[in-house]
Amino acid sequence: MEADLQKKIDGIHHQIDLLSDKRNTIIQVNRVAKTAIDVFRDILEKDKLERNDLELLIDKILVYEDHLEIKLQSDIDTLLRLAGPPGGNGGCRKF
């Protein structure tokens, strides 16, 4: 009977450790996400963008005879999809 109780206690300790690890991971991810959002906000608030700013935002630019398509970096596209209207256009902007 004591062995069974000790196994249950050990199992509970293991669950506590897993929950603690999960909590720490969530905190770290939130810090990274806040940093990315802050960088994105800083870039958008600039009067004039520099090359480094554009490299952070743009994955590639496709040039056609009648228009341009600017493909955003995937993380920027995700931010815009979360903040924008549903049914976005896949990070591709036509000009």
PDB file of N, CA and C in Angstrom:
ATOM      1  N   MET A   1       0.816  -1.187   0.000  1.00  0.00           N
ATOM      2  CA  MET A   1       0.000   0.000   0.000  1.00  0.00           C
ATOM      3  C   MET A   1       0.875   1.273   0.000  1.00  0.00           C
ATOM      4  N   GLU A   2       1.930   1.275   0.776  1.00  0.00           N
ATOM      5  CA  GLU A   2       2.833   2.422   0.797  1.00  0.00           C
ATOM      6  C   GLU A   2       3.487   2.629  -0.560  1.00  0.00           C
ATOM      7  N   ALA A   3       3.828   1.541  -1.228  1.00  0.00           N
ATOM      8  CA  ALA A   3       4.452   1.642  -2.548  1.00  0.00           C
ATOM      9  C   ALA A   3       3.493   2.286  -3.553  1.00  0.00           C
ATOM     10  N   ASP A   4       2.214   1.926  -3.470  1.00  0.00           N
ATOM     11  CA  ASP A   4       1.215   2.529  -4.364  1.00  0.00           C
ATOM     12  C   ASP A   4       1.082   4.030  -4.102  1.00  0.00           C
ATOM     13  N   LEU A   5       1.037   4.391  -2.836  1.00  0.00           N
ATOM     14  CA  LEU A   5       0.934   5.805  -2.494  1.00  0.00           C
ATOM     15  C   LEU A   5       2.167   6.579  -2.948  1.00  0.00           C
ATOM     16  N   GLN A   6       3.345   5.954  -2.792  1.00  0.00           N
ATOM     17  CA  GLN A   6       4.581   6.619  -3.233  1.00  0.00           C
ATOM     18  C   GLN A   6       4.577   6.810  -4.747  1.00  0.00           C
ATOM     19  N   LYS A   7       4.061   5.819  -5.491  1.00  0.00           N
ATOM     20  CA  LYS A   7       3.960   5.952  -6.949  1.00  0.00           C
ATOM     21  C   LYS A   7       3.014   7.089  -7.322  1.00  0.00           C
ATOM     22  N   LYS A   8       1.900   7.213  -6.603  1.00  0.00           N
ATOM     23  CA  LYS A   8       0.969   8.308  -6.873  1.00  0.00           C
ATOM     24  C   LYS A   8       1.615   9.656  -6.574  1.00  0.00           C
ATOM     25  N   ILE A   9       2.332   9.733  -5.470  1.00  0.00           N
ATOM     26  CA  ILE A   9       3.025  10.979  -5.115  1.00  0.00           C
ATOM     27  C   ILE A   9       4.059  11.321  -6.182  1.00  0.00           C
ATOM     28  N   ASP A  10       4.818  10.332  -6.616  1.00  0.00           N
ATOM     29  CA  ASP A  10       5.822  10.562  -7.670  1.00  0.00           C
ATOM     30  C   ASP A  10       5.150  11.024  -8.962  1.00  0.00           C
ATOM     31  N   GLY A  11       4.015  10.415  -9.288  1.00  0.00           N
ATOM     32  CA  GLY A  11       3.276  10.822 -10.486  1.00  0.00           C
ATOM     33  C   GLY A  11       2.794  12.262 -10.396  1.00  0.00           C
ATOM     34  N   ILE A  12       2.317  12.647  -9.222  1.00  0.00           N
ATOM     35  CA  ILE A  12       1.859  14.027  -9.018  1.00  0.00           C
ATOM     36  C   ILE A  12       3.027  14.996  -9.119  1.00  0.00           C
ATOM     37  N   HIS A  13       4.177  14.628  -8.551  1.00  0.00           N
ATOM     38  CA  HIS A  13       5.378  15.481  -8.678  1.00  0.00           C
ATOM     39  C   HIS A  13       5.765  15.640 -10.145  1.00  0.00           C
ATOM     40  N   HIS A  14       5.671  14.574 -10.903  1.00  0.00           N
ATOM     41  CA  HIS A  14       6.004  14.627 -12.332  1.00  0.00           C
ATOM     42  C   HIS A  14       5.032  15.552 -13.071  1.00  0.00           C
ATOM     43  N   GLN A  15       3.748  15.463 -12.756  1.00  0.00           N
ATOM     44  CA  GLN A  15       2.759  16.341 -13.381  1.00  0.00           C
ATOM     45  C   GLN A  15       3.026  17.805 -13.034  1.00  0.00           C
ATOM     46  N   ILE A  16       3.397  18.067 -11.787  1.00  0.00           N
ATOM     47  CA  ILE A  16       3.726  19.436 -11.377  1.00  0.00           C
ATOM     48  C   ILE A  16       4.921  19.956 -12.176  1.00  0.00           C
ATOM     49  N   ASP A  17       5.939  19.113 -12.346  1.00  0.00           N
ATOM     50  CA  ASP A  17       7.112  19.513 -13.131  1.00  0.00           C
ATOM     51  C   ASP A  17       6.724  19.812 -14.579  1.00  0.00           C
ATOM     52  N   LEU A  18       5.874  18.978 -15.175  1.00  0.00           N
ATOM     53  CA  LEU A  18       5.438  19.195 -16.555  1.00  0.00           C
ATOM     54  C   LEU A  18       4.653  20.502 -16.685  1.00  0.00           C
ATOM     55  N   LEU A  19       3.757  20.764 -15.734  1.00  0.00           N
ATOM     56  CA  LEU A  19       2.989  22.001 -15.763  1.00  0.00           C
ATOM     57  C   LEU A  19       3.889  23.223 -15.584  1.00  0.00           C
ATOM     58  N   SER A  20       4.887  23.096 -14.742  1.00  0.00           N
ATOM     59  CA  SER A  20       5.830  24.190 -14.543  1.00  0.00           C
ATOM     60  C   SER A  20       6.616  24.459 -15.823  1.00  0.00           C
ATOM     61  N   ASP A  21       7.076  23.398 -16.490  1.00  0.00           N
ATOM     62  CA  ASP A  21       7.789  23.548 -17.758  1.00  0.00           C
ATOM     63  C   ASP A  21       6.893  24.188 -18.810  1.00  0.00           C
ATOM     64  N   LYS A  22       5.633  23.763 -18.859  1.00  0.00           N
ATOM     65  CA  LYS A  22       4.684  24.316 -19.834  1.00  0.00           C
ATOM     66  C   LYS A  22       4.468  25.800 -19.566  1.00  0.00           C
ATOM     67  N   ARG A  23       4.319  26.155 -18.301  1.00  0.00           N
ATOM     68  CA  ARG A  23       4.125  27.558 -17.930  1.00  0.00           C
ATOM     69  C   ARG A  23       5.332  28.396 -18.337  1.00  0.00           C
ATOM     70  N   ASN A  24       6.531  27.901 -18.066  1.00  0.00           N
ATOM     71  CA  ASN A  24       7.748  28.631 -18.445  1.00  0.00           C
ATOM     72  C   ASN A  24       7.846  28.798 -19.951  1.00  0.00           C
ATOM     73  N   THR A  25       7.468  27.774 -20.695  1.00  0.00           N
ATOM     74  CA  THR A  25       7.492  27.854 -22.151  1.00  0.00           C
ATOM     75  C   THR A  25       6.509  28.903 -22.650  1.00  0.00           C
ATOM     76  N   ILE A  26       5.322  28.935 -22.072  1.00  0.00           N
ATOM     77  CA  ILE A  26       4.317  29.931 -22.466  1.00  0.00           C
ATOM     78  C   ILE A  26       4.822  31.336 -22.176  1.00  0.00           C
ATOM     79  N   ILE A  27       5.449  31.533 -21.039  1.00  0.00           N
ATOM     80  CA  ILE A  27       5.996  32.851 -20.690  1.00  0.00           C
ATOM     81  C   ILE A  27       7.060  33.268 -21.704  1.00  0.00           C
ATOM     82  N   GLN A  28       7.945  32.337 -22.080  1.00  0.00           N
ATOM     83  CA  GLN A  28       8.994  32.647 -23.056  1.00  0.00           C
ATOM     84  C   GLN A  28       8.404  32.987 -24.416  1.00  0.00           C
ATOM     85  N   VAL A  29       7.408  32.232 -24.861  1.00  0.00           N
ATOM     86  CA  VAL A  29       6.774  32.494 -26.162  1.00  0.00           C
ATOM     87  C   VAL A  29       6.084  33.855 -26.145  1.00  0.00           C
ATOM     88  N   ASN A  30       5.419  34.190 -25.053  1.00  0.00           N
ATOM     89  CA  ASN A  30       4.762  35.498 -24.957  1.00  0.00           C
ATOM     90  C   ASN A  30       5.764  36.636 -25.015  1.00  0.00           C
ATOM     91  N   ARG A  31       6.922  36.453 -24.393  1.00  0.00           N
ATOM     92  CA  ARG A  31       7.956  37.498 -24.447  1.00  0.00           C
ATOM     93  C   ARG A  31       8.452  37.694 -25.873  1.00  0.00           C
ATOM     94  N   VAL A  32       8.676  36.603 -26.589  1.00  0.00           N
ATOM     95  CA  VAL A  32       9.131  36.695 -27.985  1.00  0.00           C
ATOM     96  C   VAL A  32       8.058  37.355 -28.835  1.00  0.00           C
ATOM     97  N   ALA A  33       6.799  36.961 -28.639  1.00  0.00           N
ATOM     98  CA  ALA A  33       5.707  37.539 -29.424  1.00  0.00           C
ATOM     99  C   ALA A  33       5.589  39.035 -29.162  1.00  0.00           C
ATOM    100  N   LYS A  34       5.711  39.462 -27.908  1.00  0.00           N
ATOM    101  CA  LYS A  34       5.644  40.886 -27.596  1.00  0.00           C
ATOM    102  C   LYS A  34       6.776  41.627 -28.288  1.00  0.00           C
ATOM    103  N   THR A  35       7.957  41.038 -28.267  1.00  0.00           N
ATOM    104  CA  THR A  35       9.100  41.672 -28.912  1.00  0.00           C
ATOM    105  C   THR A  35       8.847  41.827 -30.407  1.00  0.00           C
ATOM    106  N   ALA A  36       8.340  40.788 -31.072  1.00  0.00           N
ATOM    107  CA  ALA A  36       8.065  40.853 -32.509  1.00  0.00           C
ATOM    108  C   ALA A  36       7.020  41.916 -32.811  1.00  0.00           C
ATOM    109  N   ILE A  37       5.977  41.972 -31.998  1.00  0.00           N
ATOM    110  CA  ILE A  37       4.929  42.971 -32.206  1.00  0.00           C
ATOM    111  C   ILE A  37       5.483  44.375 -31.997  1.00  0.00           C
ATOM    112  N   ASP A  38       6.326  44.556 -30.989  1.00  0.00           N
ATOM    113  CA  ASP A  38       6.921  45.865 -30.738  1.00  0.00           C
ATOM    114  C   ASP A  38       7.806  46.303 -31.894  1.00  0.00           C
ATOM    115  N   VAL A  39       8.609  45.386 -32.425  1.00  0.00           N
ATOM    116  CA  VAL A  39       9.469  45.707 -33.575  1.00  0.00           C
ATOM    117  C   VAL A  39       8.609  46.083 -34.775  1.00  0.00           C
ATOM    118  N   PHE A  40       7.565  45.311 -35.032  1.00  0.00           N
ATOM    119  CA  PHE A  40       6.664  45.588 -36.149  1.00  0.00           C
ATOM    120  C   PHE A  40       6.010  46.960 -35.971  1.00  0.00           C
ATOM    121  N   ARG A  41       5.555  47.266 -34.773  1.00  0.00           N
ATOM    122  CA  ARG A  41       4.924  48.563 -34.498  1.00  0.00           C
ATOM    123  C   ARG A  41       5.928  49.696 -34.719  1.00  0.00           C
ATOM    124  N   ASP A  42       7.155  49.517 -34.243  1.00  0.00           N
ATOM    125  CA  ASP A  42       8.182  50.548 -34.427  1.00  0.00           C
ATOM    126  C   ASP A  42       8.448  50.820 -35.902  1.00  0.00           C
ATOM    127  N   ILE A  43       8.499  49.755 -36.687  1.00  0.00           N
ATOM    128  CA  ILE A  43       8.738  49.912 -38.125  1.00  0.00           C
ATOM    129  C   ILE A  43       7.587  50.671 -38.769  1.00  0.00           C
ATOM    130  N   LEU A  44       6.356  50.304 -38.436  1.00  0.00           N
ATOM    131  CA  LEU A  44       5.192  50.949 -39.044  1.00  0.00           C
ATOM    132  C   LEU A  44       5.069  52.420 -38.660  1.00  0.00           C
ATOM    133  N   GLU A  45       5.598  52.795 -37.516  1.00  0.00           N
ATOM    134  CA  GLU A  45       5.491  54.185 -37.065  1.00  0.00           C
ATOM    135  C   GLU A  45       6.572  55.087 -37.646  1.00  0.00           C
ATOM    136  N   LYS A  46       7.543  54.512 -38.354  1.00  0.00           N
ATOM    137  CA  LYS A  46       8.614  55.324 -38.936  1.00  0.00           C
ATOM    138  C   LYS A  46       8.080  56.142 -40.107  1.00  0.00           C
ATOM    139  N   ASP A  47       8.635  57.342 -40.264  1.00  0.00           N
ATOM    140  CA  ASP A  47       8.275  58.180 -41.404  1.00  0.00           C
ATOM    141  C   ASP A  47       8.895  57.661 -42.690  1.00  0.00           C
ATOM    142  N   LYS A  48      10.105  57.118 -42.569  1.00  0.00           N
ATOM    143  CA  LYS A  48      10.828  56.625 -43.743  1.00  0.00           C
ATOM    144  C   LYS A  48      11.451  55.279 -43.402  1.00  0.00           C
ATOM    145  N   LEU A  49      11.190  54.269 -44.239  1.00  0.00           N
ATOM    146  CA  LEU A  49      11.734  52.936 -43.997  1.00  0.00           C
ATOM    147  C   LEU A  49      13.129  52.804 -44.591  1.00  0.00           C
ATOM    148  N   GLU A  50      13.980  52.095 -43.874  1.00  0.00           N
ATOM    149  CA  GLU A  50      15.321  51.809 -44.353  1.00  0.00           C
ATOM    150  C   GLU A  50      15.359  50.402 -44.925  1.00  0.00           C
ATOM    151  N   ARG A  51      16.428  50.072 -45.596  1.00  0.00           N
ATOM    152  CA  ARG A  51      16.571  48.751 -46.222  1.00  0.00           C
ATOM    153  C   ARG A  51      16.386  47.625 -45.185  1.00  0.00           C
ATOM    154  N   ASN A  52      16.995  47.768 -44.013  1.00  0.00           N
ATOM    155  CA  ASN A  52      16.874  46.740 -42.976  1.00  0.00           C
ATOM    156  C   ASN A  52      15.421  46.532 -42.557  1.00  0.00           C
ATOM    157  N   ASP A  53      14.651  47.620 -42.492  1.00  0.00           N
ATOM    158  CA  ASP A  53      13.229  47.520 -42.149  1.00  0.00           C
ATOM    159  C   ASP A  53      12.487  46.699 -43.199  1.00  0.00           C
ATOM    160  N   LEU A  54      12.765  47.004 -44.455  1.00  0.00           N
ATOM    161  CA  LEU A  54      12.097  46.285 -45.548  1.00  0.00           C
ATOM    162  C   LEU A  54      12.471  44.810 -45.557  1.00  0.00           C
ATOM    163  N   GLU A  55      13.730  44.506 -45.244  1.00  0.00           N
ATOM    164  CA  GLU A  55      14.160  43.109 -45.213  1.00  0.00           C
ATOM    165  C   GLU A  55      13.455  42.327 -44.108  1.00  0.00           C
ATOM    166  N   LEU A  56      13.124  42.990 -43.016  1.00  0.00           N
ATOM    167  CA  LEU A  56      12.377  42.326 -41.946  1.00  0.00           C
ATOM    168  C   LEU A  56      10.932  42.049 -42.350  1.00  0.00           C
ATOM    169  N   LEU A  57      10.374  42.916 -43.190  1.00  0.00           N
ATOM    170  CA  LEU A  57       8.966  42.808 -43.570  1.00  0.00           C
ATOM    171  C   LEU A  57       8.718  41.962 -44.815  1.00  0.00           C
ATOM    172  N   ILE A  58       9.599  42.076 -45.810  1.00  0.00           N
ATOM    173  CA  ILE A  58       9.326  41.516 -47.135  1.00  0.00           C
ATOM    174  C   ILE A  58      10.130  40.246 -47.378  1.00  0.00           C
ATOM    175  N   ASP A  59       9.426  39.216 -47.856  1.00  0.00           N
ATOM    176  CA  ASP A  59      10.074  37.962 -48.237  1.00  0.00           C
ATOM    177  C   ASP A  59      10.576  38.060 -49.668  1.00  0.00           C
ATOM    178  N   LYS A  60       9.682  38.470 -50.588  1.00  0.00           N
ATOM    179  CA  LYS A  60      10.106  38.661 -51.980  1.00  0.00           C
ATOM    180  C   LYS A  60       9.144  39.583 -52.697  1.00  0.00           C
ATOM    181  N   ILE A  61       9.644  40.149 -53.795  1.00  0.00           N
ATOM    182  CA  ILE A  61       8.844  41.028 -54.634  1.00  0.00           C
ATOM    183  C   ILE A  61       8.790  40.406 -56.023  1.00  0.00           C
ATOM    184  N   LEU A  62       7.582  40.190 -56.505  1.00  0.00           N
ATOM    185  CA  LEU A  62       7.373  39.630 -57.840  1.00  0.00           C
ATOM    186  C   LEU A  62       6.937  40.758 -58.766  1.00  0.00           C
ATOM    187  N   VAL A  63       7.648  40.914 -59.885  1.00  0.00           N
ATOM    188  CA  VAL A  63       7.361  41.989 -60.822  1.00  0.00           C
ATOM    189  C   VAL A  63       6.729  41.396 -62.076  1.00  0.00           C
ATOM    190  N   TYR A  64       5.538  41.896 -62.401  1.00  0.00           N
ATOM    191  CA  TYR A  64       4.828  41.490 -63.610  1.00  0.00           C
ATOM    192  C   TYR A  64       4.697  42.705 -64.512  1.00  0.00           C
ATOM    193  N   GLU A  65       4.235  42.467 -65.735  1.00  0.00           N
ATOM    194  CA  GLU A  65       4.096  43.584 -66.672  1.00  0.00           C
ATOM    195  C   GLU A  65       3.082  44.613 -66.190  1.00  0.00           C
ATOM    196  N   ASP A  66       2.019  44.157 -65.531  1.00  0.00           N
ATOM    197  CA  ASP A  66       0.952  45.074 -65.166  1.00  0.00           C
ATOM    198  C   ASP A  66       0.817  45.340 -63.663  1.00  0.00           C
ATOM    199  N   HIS A  67       1.619  44.658 -62.839  1.00  0.00           N
ATOM    200  CA  HIS A  67       1.524  44.891 -61.397  1.00  0.00           C
ATOM    201  C   HIS A  67       2.724  44.289 -60.667  1.00  0.00           C
ATOM    202  N   LEU A  68       2.832  44.632 -59.378  1.00  0.00           N
ATOM    203  CA  LEU A  68       3.829  44.065 -58.471  1.00  0.00           C
ATOM    204  C   LEU A  68       3.102  43.244 -57.422  1.00  0.00           C
ATOM    205  N   GLU A  69       3.724  42.179 -56.962  1.00  0.00           N
ATOM    206  CA  GLU A  69       3.226  41.434 -55.820  1.00  0.00           C
ATOM    207  C   GLU A  69       4.337  41.398 -54.779  1.00  0.00           C
ATOM    208  N   ILE A  70       3.996  41.823 -53.576  1.00  0.00           N
ATOM    209  CA  ILE A  70       4.963  41.845 -52.492  1.00  0.00           C
ATOM    210  C   ILE A  70       4.561  40.780 -51.489  1.00  0.00           C
ATOM    211  N   LYS A  71       5.406  39.767 -51.342  1.00  0.00           N
ATOM    212  CA  LYS A  71       5.140  38.669 -50.406  1.00  0.00           C
ATOM    213  C   LYS A  71       5.808  39.009 -49.084  1.00  0.00           C
ATOM    214  N   LEU A  72       4.999  39.074 -48.040  1.00  0.00           N
ATOM    215  CA  LEU A  72       5.522  39.427 -46.717  1.00  0.00           C
ATOM    216  C   LEU A  72       6.149  38.213 -46.037  1.00  0.00           C
ATOM    217  N   GLN A  73       7.034  38.481 -45.086  1.00  0.00           N
ATOM    218  CA  GLN A  73       7.581  37.412 -44.267  1.00  0.00           C
ATOM    219  C   GLN A  73       6.419  36.708 -43.576  1.00  0.00           C
ATOM    220  N   SER A  74       6.532  35.418 -43.345  1.00  0.00           N
ATOM    221  CA  SER A  74       5.413  34.642 -42.806  1.00  0.00           C
ATOM    222  C   SER A  74       4.958  35.137 -41.435  1.00  0.00           C
ATOM    223  N   ASP A  75       5.883  35.558 -40.584  1.00  0.00           N
ATOM    224  CA  ASP A  75       5.462  36.029 -39.266  1.00  0.00           C
ATOM    225  C   ASP A  75       4.723  37.361 -39.346  1.00  0.00           C
ATOM    226  N   ILE A  76       5.108  38.212 -40.283  1.00  0.00           N
ATOM    227  CA  ILE A  76       4.406  39.482 -40.483  1.00  0.00           C
ATOM    228  C   ILE A  76       3.019  39.214 -41.049  1.00  0.00           C
ATOM    229  N   ASP A  77       2.936  38.296 -42.008  1.00  0.00           N
ATOM    230  CA  ASP A  77       1.642  37.942 -42.585  1.00  0.00           C
ATOM    231  C   ASP A  77       0.710  37.402 -41.505  1.00  0.00           C
ATOM    232  N   THR A  78       1.240  36.595 -40.602  1.00  0.00           N
ATOM    233  CA  THR A  78       0.428  36.053 -39.513  1.00  0.00           C
ATOM    234  C   THR A  78      -0.095  37.176 -38.622  1.00  0.00           C
ATOM    235  N   LEU A  79       0.760  38.143 -38.288  1.00  0.00           N
ATOM    236  CA  LEU A  79       0.320  39.279 -37.483  1.00  0.00           C
ATOM    237  C   LEU A  79      -0.804  40.039 -38.176  1.00  0.00           C
ATOM    238  N   LEU A  80      -0.659  40.265 -39.477  1.00  0.00           N
ATOM    239  CA  LEU A  80      -1.676  40.998 -40.212  1.00  0.00           C
ATOM    240  C   LEU A  80      -2.987  40.223 -40.289  1.00  0.00           C
ATOM    241  N   ARG A  81      -2.883  38.904 -40.454  1.00  0.00           N
ATOM    242  CA  ARG A  81      -4.106  38.091 -40.496  1.00  0.00           C
ATOM    243  C   ARG A  81      -4.843  38.149 -39.159  1.00  0.00           C
ATOM    244  N   LEU A  82      -4.097  38.148 -38.061  1.00  0.00           N
ATOM    245  CA  LEU A  82      -4.724  38.207 -36.742  1.00  0.00           C
ATOM    246  C   LEU A  82      -5.378  39.555 -36.501  1.00  0.00           C
ATOM    247  N   ALA A  83      -4.789  40.612 -37.029  1.00  0.00           N
ATOM    248  CA  ALA A  83      -5.302  41.957 -36.788  1.00  0.00           C
ATOM    249  C   ALA A  83      -6.281  42.417 -37.858  1.00  0.00           C
ATOM    250  N   GLY A  84      -6.255  41.782 -39.025  1.00  0.00           N
ATOM    251  CA  GLY A  84      -7.058  42.256 -40.138  1.00  0.00           C
ATOM    252  C   GLY A  84      -8.370  41.521 -40.291  1.00  0.00           C
ATOM    253  N   PRO A  85      -9.086  41.821 -41.382  1.00  0.00           N
ATOM    254  CA  PRO A  85     -10.370  41.166 -41.618  1.00  0.00           C
ATOM    255  C   PRO A  85     -10.182  39.700 -41.982  1.00  0.00           C
ATOM    256  N   PRO A  86     -11.190  38.858 -41.713  1.00  0.00           N
ATOM    257  CA  PRO A  86     -11.071  37.440 -42.067  1.00  0.00           C
ATOM    258  C   PRO A  86     -10.960  37.259 -43.571  1.00  0.00           C
ATOM    259  N   GLY A  87     -10.306  36.150 -43.962  1.00  0.00           N
ATOM    260  CA  GLY A  87     -10.164  35.842 -45.394  1.00  0.00           C
ATOM    261  C   GLY A  87      -9.116  36.692 -46.069  1.00  0.00           C
ATOM    262  N   GLY A  88      -7.968  36.880 -45.396  1.00  0.00           N
ATOM    263  CA  GLY A  88      -6.880  37.678 -45.963  1.00  0.00           C
ATOM    264  C   GLY A  88      -6.391  37.110 -47.282  1.00  0.00           C
ATOM    265  N   ASN A  89      -5.424  37.783 -47.890  1.00  0.00           N
ATOM    266  CA  ASN A  89      -4.978  37.366 -49.214  1.00  0.00           C
ATOM    267  C   ASN A  89      -3.630  36.653 -49.202  1.00  0.00           C
ATOM    268  N   GLY A  90      -3.306  35.975 -48.115  1.00  0.00           N
ATOM    269  CA  GLY A  90      -2.116  35.134 -48.094  1.00  0.00           C
ATOM    270  C   GLY A  90      -0.811  35.885 -48.069  1.00  0.00           C
ATOM    271  N   GLY A  91      -0.796  37.105 -47.591  1.00  0.00           N
ATOM    272  CA  GLY A  91       0.447  37.841 -47.472  1.00  0.00           C
ATOM    273  C   GLY A  91       0.949  38.404 -48.777  1.00  0.00           C
ATOM    274  N   CYS A  92       0.147  38.365 -49.808  1.00  0.00           N
ATOM    275  CA  CYS A  92       0.573  38.855 -51.104  1.00  0.00           C
ATOM    276  C   CYS A  92      -0.203  40.130 -51.399  1.00  0.00           C
ATOM    277  N   ARG A  93       0.495  41.232 -51.540  1.00  0.00           N
ATOM    278  CA  ARG A  93      -0.140  42.513 -51.787  1.00  0.00           C
ATOM    279  C   ARG A  93       0.089  42.897 -53.248  1.00  0.00           C
ATOM    280  N   LYS A  94      -0.968  43.273 -53.958  1.00  0.00           N
ATOM    281  CA  LYS A  94      -0.840  43.687 -55.351  1.00  0.00           C
ATOM    282  C   LYS A  94      -0.838  45.203 -55.435  1.00  0.00           C
ATOM    283  N   PHE A  95       0.013  45.742 -56.317  1.00  0.00           N
ATOM    284  CA  PHE A  95       0.096  47.178 -56.522  1.00  0.00           C
ATOM    285  C   PHE A  95       0.023  47.479 -57.993  1.00  0.00           C
TER     286      PHE A  95
END
